[in-house]
Amino acid sequence: MNIQLTEAESRLADIIWREETLMSPDLVNIAKQELDWKKSTTYTILKKLCDKGVVKNENARVSVLLTREEQIARQGHSFVESTFGGSLPRFLASFIHGKKLSPKEIMELRQLIDEYDEDGTNG
């Protein structure tokens, strides 16, 4: 399931992903310094991230439930599904259209393809 984050949610999530686990008062201080947010703004956006299952806030301890990598993968899958009918080859063809791939890029793509078997599992 793809979780859509607003710009504000993404900005706060980036801080939480970077810190991994922190106390909510510390998050408020970081958001004030880095984003120039008020305490109420931070807690409002934090609640939205909790409601979406990205993070949890228990006993003033904020921790990650969904990693940045998992979120990026979900967004990527959703984009390929909605834009290219789920076809990875169509996505790749569109992405590299008109671009020459370097030998290193070709090798990396071949290695990535070789890592996955027909049913999509790694191994």
Protein backbone atom coordinates (compact mmCIF):
# COMPACT_ATOMS: atom_id res chain seq x y z
CA MET A 1 0.00 0.00 0.00
CA ASN A 2 1.36 3.37 -1.02
CA ILE A 3 1.39 6.06 1.64
CA GLN A 4 1.26 9.57 0.23
CA LEU A 5 3.12 12.12 2.31
CA THR A 6 2.61 15.85 2.06
CA GLU A 7 5.68 18.05 1.76
CA ALA A 8 5.49 18.91 5.46
CA GLU A 9 5.11 15.26 6.43
CA SER A 10 8.09 14.34 4.26
CA ARG A 11 10.24 17.02 5.85
CA LEU A 12 9.47 15.82 9.38
CA ALA A 13 9.79 12.18 8.36
CA ASP A 14 13.25 12.94 6.95
CA ILE A 15 14.34 14.18 10.36
CA ILE A 16 12.88 11.14 12.11
CA TRP A 17 14.45 8.76 9.57
CA ARG A 18 17.80 10.46 10.05
CA GLU A 19 17.62 10.26 13.85
CA GLU A 20 15.83 6.83 13.89
CA THR A 21 14.62 7.10 17.48
CA LEU A 22 14.30 10.27 19.52
CA MET A 23 12.22 11.84 22.22
CA SER A 24 9.38 14.05 20.99
CA PRO A 25 10.71 17.18 22.80
CA ASP A 26 14.00 16.67 20.95
CA LEU A 27 12.08 16.37 17.67
CA VAL A 28 10.31 19.66 18.48
CA ASN A 29 13.69 21.34 19.04
CA ILE A 30 15.16 19.97 15.81
CA ALA A 31 12.07 21.00 13.81
CA LYS A 32 12.29 24.49 15.31
CA GLN A 33 15.96 24.79 14.35
CA GLU A 34 15.83 23.17 10.91
CA LEU A 35 12.30 23.96 9.74
CA ASP A 36 11.44 27.01 11.84
CA TRP A 37 8.31 25.21 13.06
CA LYS A 38 6.35 25.88 16.22
CA LYS A 39 5.78 23.09 18.72
CA SER A 40 2.11 22.81 17.71
CA THR A 41 3.02 22.39 14.03
CA THR A 42 5.50 19.63 14.81
CA TYR A 43 3.00 17.73 16.95
CA THR A 44 0.24 18.13 14.34
CA ILE A 45 2.44 16.73 11.57
CA LEU A 46 3.80 14.03 13.88
CA LYS A 47 0.25 12.88 14.59
CA LYS A 48 -0.44 12.66 10.86
CA LEU A 49 2.69 10.53 10.37
CA CYS A 50 1.54 8.29 13.24
CA ASP A 51 -1.96 8.00 11.74
CA LYS A 52 -0.42 6.95 8.40
CA GLY A 53 1.71 4.28 10.08
CA VAL A 54 5.05 5.86 9.22
CA VAL A 55 6.16 6.41 12.81
CA LYS A 56 4.90 5.79 16.31
CA ASN A 57 4.98 8.08 19.32
CA GLU A 58 4.77 6.12 22.57
CA ASN A 59 5.66 7.64 25.92
CA ALA A 60 7.16 10.64 24.10
CA ARG A 61 9.52 8.31 22.20
CA VAL A 62 9.27 8.68 18.42
CA SER A 63 10.40 5.69 16.39
CA VAL A 64 10.24 4.54 12.78
CA LEU A 65 7.64 2.02 11.62
CA LEU A 66 8.20 2.50 7.87
CA THR A 67 11.76 3.14 6.70
CA ARG A 68 12.67 5.71 4.06
CA GLU A 69 13.67 2.86 1.74
CA GLU A 70 10.30 1.15 2.22
CA GLN A 71 8.48 4.42 1.52
CA ILE A 72 10.52 5.06 -1.63
CA ALA A 73 9.88 1.50 -2.83
CA ARG A 74 6.14 1.89 -2.26
CA GLN A 75 6.09 5.18 -4.16
CA GLY A 76 8.08 3.62 -7.00
CA HIS A 77 5.78 0.61 -7.26
CA SER A 78 2.73 2.86 -7.20
CA PHE A 79 4.19 5.11 -9.92
CA VAL A 80 5.08 2.18 -12.21
CA GLU A 81 1.67 0.62 -11.59
CA SER A 82 -0.35 3.76 -12.29
CA THR A 83 1.76 5.18 -15.12
CA PHE A 84 3.02 2.07 -16.93
CA GLY A 85 0.37 -0.50 -16.06
CA GLY A 86 2.83 -2.21 -13.75
CA SER A 87 5.27 -2.90 -16.59
CA LEU A 88 8.85 -2.46 -15.40
CA PRO A 89 10.24 -2.89 -18.95
CA ARG A 90 7.95 -0.06 -20.20
CA PHE A 91 9.09 2.13 -17.31
CA LEU A 92 12.78 1.44 -18.00
CA ALA A 93 12.35 2.03 -21.73
CA SER A 94 10.71 5.37 -21.01
CA PHE A 95 13.28 6.30 -18.39
CA ILE A 96 16.30 5.63 -20.59
CA HIS A 97 14.72 6.84 -23.85
CA GLY A 98 17.34 8.72 -25.83
CA LYS A 99 20.04 8.19 -23.20
CA LYS A 100 23.17 6.18 -23.77
CA LEU A 101 23.92 3.83 -20.91
CA SER A 102 27.49 3.53 -19.77
CA PRO A 103 29.06 0.07 -19.64
CA LYS A 104 28.96 0.34 -15.83
CA GLU A 105 25.21 1.14 -15.85
CA ILE A 106 24.54 -1.79 -18.20
CA MET A 107 26.54 -4.12 -15.95
CA GLU A 108 24.67 -2.91 -12.84
CA LEU A 109 21.29 -3.43 -14.51
CA ARG A 110 22.27 -6.92 -15.65
CA GLN A 111 23.45 -7.80 -12.14
CA LEU A 112 20.19 -6.50 -10.66
CA ILE A 113 18.12 -8.55 -13.12
CA ASP A 114 20.22 -11.66 -12.42
CA GLU A 115 19.57 -11.31 -8.68
CA TYR A 116 15.85 -11.92 -9.11
CA ASP A 117 14.19 -15.09 -10.32
CA GLU A 118 10.97 -15.36 -12.33
CA ASP A 119 8.57 -15.09 -9.37
CA GLY A 120 10.17 -11.83 -8.24
CA THR A 121 11.92 -13.15 -5.21
CA ASN A 122 15.53 -12.46 -4.44
CA GLY A 123 17.81 -15.44 -4.63
